């Protein structure tokens, strides 16, 4: 198999073959809910960080007993439903945080109902004041101590710096893959790119780096398809689902960039390795990177990233997306709509998604209409 085929296969499994091999070697896997939970700390403790996702969910009826479907996001319910059905029994622990009310409650229910062998809650501030940084740093220290106690290891400064360098290499290579979409004929599709990102948060980082190096060698000089009618940026939330990317590209578009947490925002910033304190370096990068809408007063950063992407990737249109009942991205759409004229690029009306794709036909019609609008 090529590196691309291997990575795409890893993206599909939940768990995938790499995780199964890791477990077969007697090593631990720790799940985590959000990109504000540093993977480096888990890895430095000798465990595999595995970002939980809803891949494989076909319904949410078990989770719906605890989280009503009429007011809770379908992604959080899908993840919890998988946990209730035993899909996540391979995890040796789970780490949650106050990302949003829906996912926070799903994490609490996971702990209450299933009593995992290890669980930890990381409080992440929603601002970047000095007191917020100190609070987050304290939270990382508590997480470090918690992992050390459960895994019966010492997370040394040397081990943590090594993990930071390893994940920085992950981010650098993923950025190189992303930059391929600045070409007129990218060697990958947007669907493939998004699946690579899903694989990146669910396999050992050492293997990821090897595969990405090989992938860039395999495809770096290749030309891809030019049979597309518009270069599209997705702005909002899609999670690990590639359905929206697939719909856009089946309708003739090409997704060249996104502004999502399961996407470019998760790897665009590297951790500074020049200091003496690796925990402080982690806290600074994770708290001050291009932020999620959960962080107060940070829309300008995401908007700046969007405007730069419009130039760098020569995008012809922006498709806005968010899951139903997501207040954070709902407000994001309002902020973006106010800058519609300033953008000077066709901007779709918000596409309100269902994570399980039960509204696929409606979304497909909306996407096709938007692409037709761009052509006219």
Protein backbone atom coordinates (compact mmCIF):
# COMPACT_ATOMS: atom_id res chain seq x y z
CA UNK A 1 0.00 0.00 0.00
CA UNK A 2 1.08 3.56 -0.65
CA UNK A 3 1.41 6.03 2.21
CA UNK A 4 -1.80 7.70 1.05
CA UNK A 5 -3.72 4.42 1.03
CA UNK A 6 -2.41 3.54 4.49
CA UNK A 7 -3.37 6.90 5.97
CA UNK A 8 -6.82 6.81 4.39
CA UNK A 9 -7.38 3.34 5.82
CA UNK A 10 -6.32 4.56 9.27
CA UNK A 11 -8.81 7.43 8.99
CA UNK A 12 -11.73 5.05 8.52
CA UNK A 13 -11.26 2.71 11.48
CA UNK A 14 -12.45 3.53 14.97
CA UNK A 15 -10.20 2.03 16.26
CA UNK A 16 -7.87 1.51 13.33
CA UNK A 17 -5.16 -1.09 12.71
CA UNK A 18 -2.41 1.11 14.18
CA UNK A 19 -4.29 1.40 17.48
CA UNK A 20 -4.97 -2.33 17.57
CA UNK A 21 -1.26 -3.01 17.07
CA UNK A 22 -0.40 -0.53 19.83
CA UNK A 23 -2.80 -2.29 22.20
CA UNK A 24 -1.46 -5.72 21.19
CA UNK A 25 1.95 -4.56 22.40
CA UNK A 26 0.47 -3.96 25.85
CA UNK A 27 0.53 -0.17 25.69
CA UNK A 28 -2.15 2.26 26.86
CA UNK A 29 -4.45 4.45 24.77
CA UNK A 30 -5.91 7.61 26.31
CA UNK A 31 -8.85 9.28 24.60
CA UNK A 32 -9.30 13.02 24.61
CA UNK A 33 -12.22 15.18 23.58
CA UNK A 34 -10.78 18.42 22.28
CA UNK A 35 -7.73 19.96 20.59
CA UNK A 36 -7.13 22.13 23.69
CA UNK A 37 -5.98 18.99 25.52
CA UNK A 38 -2.24 18.66 24.76
CA UNK A 39 -1.41 15.40 23.00
CA UNK A 40 2.22 15.86 24.04
CA UNK A 41 1.48 15.22 27.72
CA UNK A 42 -0.26 11.93 26.97
CA UNK A 43 2.51 10.81 24.65
CA UNK A 44 5.29 11.78 27.07
CA UNK A 45 3.60 9.49 29.63
CA UNK A 46 4.04 6.54 27.24
CA UNK A 47 0.42 6.37 26.09
CA UNK A 48 -1.14 6.96 22.69
CA UNK A 49 -3.35 10.08 22.49
CA UNK A 50 -6.54 9.27 20.57
CA UNK A 51 -9.03 11.99 19.73
CA UNK A 52 -12.54 10.62 20.09
CA UNK A 53 -14.81 10.97 17.09
CA UNK A 54 -18.17 9.77 15.89
CA UNK A 55 -16.90 7.60 13.04
CA UNK A 56 -18.96 4.42 12.80
CA UNK A 57 -22.06 5.78 14.52
CA UNK A 58 -25.28 4.89 12.72
CA UNK A 59 -27.64 6.40 15.26
CA UNK A 60 -27.81 7.95 18.71
CA UNK A 61 -30.76 6.20 20.32
CA UNK A 62 -28.77 4.97 23.34
CA UNK A 63 -27.24 8.40 23.99
CA UNK A 64 -30.59 10.10 23.42
CA UNK A 65 -31.87 8.60 26.67
CA UNK A 66 -29.47 10.93 28.50
CA UNK A 67 -28.99 13.74 25.96
CA UNK A 68 -32.19 14.77 24.23
CA UNK A 69 -31.98 14.92 20.45
CA UNK A 70 -34.09 18.08 20.38
CA UNK A 71 -31.47 20.31 21.99
CA UNK A 72 -28.06 18.58 21.93
CA UNK A 73 -25.57 18.45 19.07
CA UNK A 74 -25.44 15.24 17.07
CA UNK A 75 -21.65 14.92 17.25
CA UNK A 76 -21.55 14.76 21.04
CA UNK A 77 -24.44 12.30 21.04
CA UNK A 78 -22.74 10.16 18.38
CA UNK A 79 -19.52 9.90 20.39
CA UNK A 80 -21.42 9.08 23.58
CA UNK A 81 -23.55 6.52 21.76
CA UNK A 82 -20.42 4.75 20.53
CA UNK A 83 -19.08 4.71 24.08
CA UNK A 84 -22.34 3.23 25.39
CA UNK A 85 -22.18 0.51 22.70
CA UNK A 86 -18.65 -0.50 23.63
CA UNK A 87 -16.82 0.94 20.62
CA UNK A 88 -14.49 2.85 22.93
CA UNK A 89 -13.78 -0.04 25.28
CA UNK A 90 -10.25 -0.10 23.81
CA UNK A 91 -9.50 3.19 25.60
CA UNK A 92 -7.65 2.98 28.90
CA UNK A 93 -8.92 6.38 29.95
CA UNK A 94 -10.65 9.53 28.78
CA UNK A 95 -9.83 13.22 29.24
CA UNK A 96 -12.53 15.86 28.90
CA UNK A 97 -12.75 19.62 29.21
CA UNK A 98 -15.18 22.53 29.12
CA UNK A 99 -15.15 22.87 25.34
CA UNK A 100 -18.92 23.39 24.96
CA UNK A 101 -21.91 22.44 27.06
CA UNK A 102 -22.86 19.52 24.81
CA UNK A 103 -19.49 17.77 24.74
CA UNK A 104 -18.84 18.60 28.39
CA UNK A 105 -22.08 16.87 29.40
CA UNK A 106 -21.34 13.90 27.12
CA UNK A 107 -17.98 13.47 28.86
CA UNK A 108 -19.65 13.62 32.28
CA UNK A 109 -22.20 10.98 31.24
CA UNK A 110 -19.42 8.77 29.89
CA UNK A 111 -17.74 8.89 33.28
CA UNK A 112 -20.96 8.50 35.29
CA UNK A 113 -22.44 5.63 33.28
CA UNK A 114 -19.35 3.68 32.22
CA UNK A 115 -16.81 4.27 35.00
CA UNK A 116 -13.72 4.21 32.76
CA UNK A 117 -10.47 3.03 34.39
CA UNK A 118 -9.11 6.56 34.20
CA UNK A 119 -10.70 9.94 33.63
CA UNK A 120 -9.60 13.52 34.07
CA UNK A 121 -11.21 16.90 33.50
CA UNK A 122 -9.05 19.78 32.26
CA UNK A 123 -10.38 23.28 32.83
CA UNK A 124 -9.46 25.55 29.92
CA UNK A 125 -10.07 29.31 30.33
CA UNK A 126 -12.01 31.21 27.70
CA UNK A 127 -9.78 34.28 27.77
CA UNK A 128 -6.04 34.97 27.56
CA UNK A 129 -5.37 37.24 30.47
CA UNK A 130 -2.33 36.55 32.62
CA UNK A 131 -4.55 34.97 35.26
CA UNK A 132 -6.08 32.75 32.55
CA UNK A 133 -2.66 31.57 31.40
CA UNK A 134 -1.67 30.77 34.99
CA UNK A 135 -4.93 28.86 35.50
CA UNK A 136 -4.40 26.82 32.34
CA UNK A 137 -0.78 26.10 33.26
CA UNK A 138 -1.96 24.90 36.68
CA UNK A 139 -4.47 22.66 34.92
CA UNK A 140 -1.72 21.14 32.79
CA UNK A 141 0.36 20.50 35.90
CA UNK A 142 -2.61 18.66 37.46
CA UNK A 143 -3.12 16.67 34.27
CA UNK A 144 0.56 15.73 34.26
CA UNK A 145 0.37 14.55 37.88
CA UNK A 146 -2.83 12.63 37.16
CA UNK A 147 -1.29 10.80 34.19
CA UNK A 148 1.86 10.02 36.14
CA UNK A 149 -0.17 8.51 38.97
CA UNK A 150 -2.43 6.41 36.73
CA UNK A 151 0.28 5.19 34.35
CA UNK A 152 2.87 4.84 37.13
CA UNK A 153 5.50 6.82 35.23
CA UNK A 154 7.41 10.05 35.60
CA UNK A 155 6.91 12.54 32.79
CA UNK A 156 10.39 13.99 32.70
CA UNK A 157 11.29 17.33 31.17
CA UNK A 158 13.38 15.50 28.58
CA UNK A 159 10.50 13.20 27.60
CA UNK A 160 8.11 16.12 27.30
CA UNK A 161 10.48 18.12 25.09
CA UNK A 162 10.94 15.05 22.86
CA UNK A 163 7.18 14.70 22.50
CA UNK A 164 6.85 18.41 21.71
CA UNK A 165 9.48 18.12 18.96
CA UNK A 166 7.75 15.04 17.57
CA UNK A 167 4.34 16.69 17.39
CA UNK A 168 5.88 19.87 15.98
CA UNK A 169 7.16 17.71 13.14
CA UNK A 170 3.60 16.36 12.73
CA UNK A 171 2.31 19.91 12.38
CA UNK A 172 5.08 20.95 9.99
CA UNK A 173 4.38 18.02 7.68
CA UNK A 174 0.61 18.55 7.79
CA UNK A 175 1.20 22.21 6.88
CA UNK A 176 3.25 21.04 3.88
CA UNK A 177 0.37 18.80 2.81
CA UNK A 178 -2.00 21.75 3.21
CA UNK A 179 0.24 24.01 1.11
CA UNK A 180 -0.09 21.60 -1.82
CA UNK A 181 -3.60 23.02 -2.25
CA UNK A 182 -2.14 26.36 -3.27
CA UNK A 183 -1.36 24.69 -6.60
CA UNK A 184 -3.72 25.04 -9.51
CA UNK A 185 -3.82 21.24 -9.69
CA UNK A 186 -3.46 19.86 -6.15
CA UNK A 187 -2.39 16.20 -6.04
CA UNK A 188 -5.05 15.40 -3.43
CA UNK A 189 -8.76 16.00 -3.12
CA UNK A 190 -10.27 17.91 -0.24
CA UNK A 191 -11.89 14.69 0.97
CA UNK A 192 -8.50 12.96 1.10
CA UNK A 193 -6.92 15.90 2.91
CA UNK A 194 -9.60 15.86 5.61
CA UNK A 195 -9.26 12.11 6.07
CA UNK A 196 -5.49 12.54 6.52
CA UNK A 197 -6.22 14.96 9.35
CA UNK A 198 -8.54 12.40 10.94
CA UNK A 199 -5.78 9.79 10.74
CA UNK A 200 -3.28 12.22 12.26
CA UNK A 201 -5.16 12.36 15.58
CA UNK A 202 -5.61 8.60 15.87
CA UNK A 203 -2.26 6.91 15.18
CA UNK A 204 1.18 6.98 16.84
CA UNK A 205 2.93 10.26 15.92
CA UNK A 206 6.15 8.45 15.03
CA UNK A 207 4.35 6.43 12.37
CA UNK A 208 2.46 9.51 11.21
CA UNK A 209 5.70 11.37 10.50
CA UNK A 210 7.11 8.47 8.51
CA UNK A 211 3.95 8.19 6.45
CA UNK A 212 3.71 11.92 5.81
CA UNK A 213 7.34 12.10 4.68
CA UNK A 214 6.68 9.23 2.27
CA UNK A 215 3.39 10.76 1.13
CA UNK A 216 5.04 14.08 0.25
CA UNK A 217 7.68 12.21 -1.75
CA UNK A 218 5.02 10.16 -3.54
CA UNK A 219 2.72 13.01 -4.53
CA UNK A 220 4.72 16.20 -4.13
CA UNK A 221 5.46 16.62 -7.85
CA UNK A 222 2.24 15.12 -9.15
CA UNK A 223 -0.49 17.15 -10.79
CA UNK A 224 -4.05 16.54 -9.79
CA UNK A 225 -7.43 17.17 -11.34
CA UNK A 226 -8.37 20.55 -12.80
CA UNK A 227 -11.92 19.51 -13.57
CA UNK A 228 -13.51 21.63 -10.86
CA UNK A 229 -15.72 24.69 -11.10
CA UNK A 230 -14.73 26.48 -7.89
CA UNK A 231 -12.11 26.44 -5.15
CA UNK A 232 -13.94 26.34 -1.82
CA UNK A 233 -13.05 27.13 1.80
CA UNK A 234 -15.16 25.61 4.58
CA UNK A 235 -15.60 27.94 7.55
CA UNK A 236 -17.18 26.49 10.67
CA UNK A 237 -17.52 23.02 12.15
CA UNK A 238 -17.68 19.64 10.44
CA UNK A 239 -15.97 17.38 12.99
CA UNK A 240 -14.36 14.23 11.64
CA UNK A 241 -17.13 13.68 9.07
CA UNK A 242 -16.05 14.12 5.44
CA UNK A 243 -19.61 14.21 4.15
CA UNK A 244 -19.67 17.96 3.44
CA UNK A 245 -16.33 17.78 1.63
CA UNK A 246 -17.65 14.86 -0.40
CA UNK A 247 -20.86 16.65 -1.35
CA UNK A 248 -18.94 19.76 -2.44
CA UNK A 249 -16.52 17.80 -4.58
CA UNK A 250 -19.19 15.55 -6.12
CA UNK A 251 -20.97 18.76 -7.13
CA UNK A 252 -17.86 19.99 -8.92
CA UNK A 253 -16.09 22.04 -6.27
CA UNK A 254 -12.66 21.51 -4.70
CA UNK A 255 -12.20 22.07 -0.96
CA UNK A 256 -8.77 23.73 -0.75
CA UNK A 257 -8.82 24.93 2.87
CA UNK A 258 -10.90 25.05 6.02
CA UNK A 259 -11.11 26.96 9.27
CA UNK A 260 -12.17 24.02 11.45
CA UNK A 261 -10.90 22.31 14.61
CA UNK A 262 -10.75 18.95 12.80
CA UNK A 263 -8.72 20.80 10.19
CA UNK A 264 -6.14 23.49 9.53
CA UNK A 265 -6.56 25.30 12.86
CA UNK A 266 -5.36 22.22 14.73
CA UNK A 267 -1.87 22.20 13.20
CA UNK A 268 -1.19 25.75 12.00
CA UNK A 269 0.84 26.80 15.07
CA UNK A 270 4.08 25.21 16.29
CA UNK A 271 5.15 25.06 19.94
CA UNK A 272 8.09 27.29 20.84
CA UNK A 273 11.00 25.06 21.94
CA UNK A 274 13.36 27.88 22.93
CA UNK A 275 12.30 28.15 26.58
CA UNK A 276 13.21 26.14 29.66
CA UNK A 277 9.75 25.00 30.78
CA UNK A 278 7.95 22.57 28.42
CA UNK A 279 4.63 22.87 30.29
CA UNK A 280 4.71 26.65 29.94
CA UNK A 281 5.52 26.23 26.24
CA UNK A 282 2.50 23.95 25.83
CA UNK A 283 0.23 26.33 27.73
CA UNK A 284 1.35 29.31 25.66
CA UNK A 285 0.88 27.61 22.30
CA UNK A 286 -2.43 25.91 23.03
CA UNK A 287 -4.00 28.96 24.67
CA UNK A 288 -2.67 31.61 22.26
CA UNK A 289 -2.86 29.77 18.92
CA UNK A 290 -5.52 30.61 16.33
CA UNK A 291 -8.50 30.11 18.58
CA UNK A 292 -11.75 28.20 18.59
CA UNK A 293 -15.05 30.16 18.85
CA UNK A 294 -15.20 29.00 22.49
CA UNK A 295 -12.54 31.63 23.24
CA UNK A 296 -13.94 35.08 23.90
CA UNK A 297 -13.09 37.96 21.52
CA UNK A 298 -11.04 35.89 19.08
CA UNK A 299 -13.15 36.10 15.92
CA UNK A 300 -10.62 38.50 14.43
CA UNK A 301 -7.97 35.76 14.40
CA UNK A 302 -10.15 33.31 12.51
CA UNK A 303 -11.27 36.07 10.17
CA UNK A 304 -7.64 37.01 9.51
CA UNK A 305 -6.82 33.36 8.82
CA UNK A 306 -9.76 33.23 6.42
CA UNK A 307 -8.71 36.36 4.49
CA UNK A 308 -5.15 35.05 4.15
CA UNK A 309 -6.46 31.70 2.94
CA UNK A 310 -8.62 33.44 0.33
CA UNK A 311 -5.46 34.98 -1.13
CA UNK A 312 -3.11 32.02 -0.75
CA UNK A 313 -5.54 29.40 -2.05
CA UNK A 314 -7.31 31.63 -4.60
CA UNK A 315 -10.71 30.54 -3.31
CA UNK A 316 -13.85 31.34 -5.27
CA UNK A 317 -16.30 30.79 -2.45
CA UNK A 318 -16.79 30.19 1.28
CA UNK A 319 -19.22 27.63 2.63
CA UNK A 320 -20.29 28.20 6.22
CA UNK A 321 -21.23 25.20 8.32
CA UNK A 322 -22.21 24.32 11.85
CA UNK A 323 -24.05 21.57 13.63
CA UNK A 324 -27.60 22.13 14.77
CA UNK A 325 -27.81 23.52 18.33
CA UNK A 326 -24.21 24.84 18.21
CA UNK A 327 -24.41 28.33 19.72
CA UNK A 328 -20.67 28.96 19.37
CA UNK A 329 -20.62 28.58 15.60
CA UNK A 330 -24.05 30.13 15.31
CA UNK A 331 -22.60 33.38 16.67
CA UNK A 332 -19.60 32.92 14.39
CA UNK A 333 -21.92 33.00 11.39
CA UNK A 334 -23.39 36.31 12.54
CA UNK A 335 -19.93 37.88 12.87
CA UNK A 336 -18.91 36.62 9.43
CA UNK A 337 -22.13 37.76 7.79
CA UNK A 338 -21.47 41.33 8.95
CA UNK A 339 -18.23 41.26 6.94
CA UNK A 340 -19.76 39.77 3.82
CA UNK A 341 -19.15 42.83 1.62
CA UNK A 342 -15.63 43.31 2.96
CA UNK A 343 -14.70 39.74 2.02
CA UNK A 344 -15.57 40.27 -1.62
CA UNK A 345 -15.99 36.52 -2.09
CA UNK A 346 -19.28 34.60 -2.44
CA UNK A 347 -20.40 33.46 1.01
CA UNK A 348 -22.99 30.76 1.48
CA UNK A 349 -25.86 30.98 3.90
CA UNK A 350 -25.08 28.87 7.00
CA UNK A 351 -25.46 25.14 6.35
CA UNK A 352 -26.93 23.64 9.51
CA UNK A 353 -25.65 20.07 9.56
CA UNK A 354 -26.64 16.83 11.20
CA UNK A 355 -23.47 14.90 12.06
CA UNK A 356 -24.94 11.56 10.97
CA UNK A 357 -25.86 12.94 7.55
CA UNK A 358 -29.59 12.43 7.88
CA UNK A 359 -30.11 15.70 5.98
CA UNK A 360 -27.70 14.87 3.15
CA UNK A 361 -30.20 15.57 0.35
CA UNK A 362 -30.96 19.06 1.68
CA UNK A 363 -27.26 19.90 2.06
CA UNK A 364 -26.50 18.59 -1.42
CA UNK A 365 -29.18 20.84 -2.93
CA UNK A 366 -27.85 23.88 -1.04
CA UNK A 367 -24.26 23.20 -2.11
CA UNK A 368 -25.23 22.70 -5.75
CA UNK A 369 -27.18 25.97 -5.71
CA UNK A 370 -24.21 27.83 -4.18
CA UNK A 371 -21.78 26.50 -6.77
CA UNK A 372 -24.22 27.47 -9.52
CA UNK A 373 -24.37 30.96 -8.03
CA UNK A 374 -20.58 31.22 -8.16
CA UNK A 375 -20.54 30.19 -11.84
CA UNK A 376 -23.09 32.85 -12.71
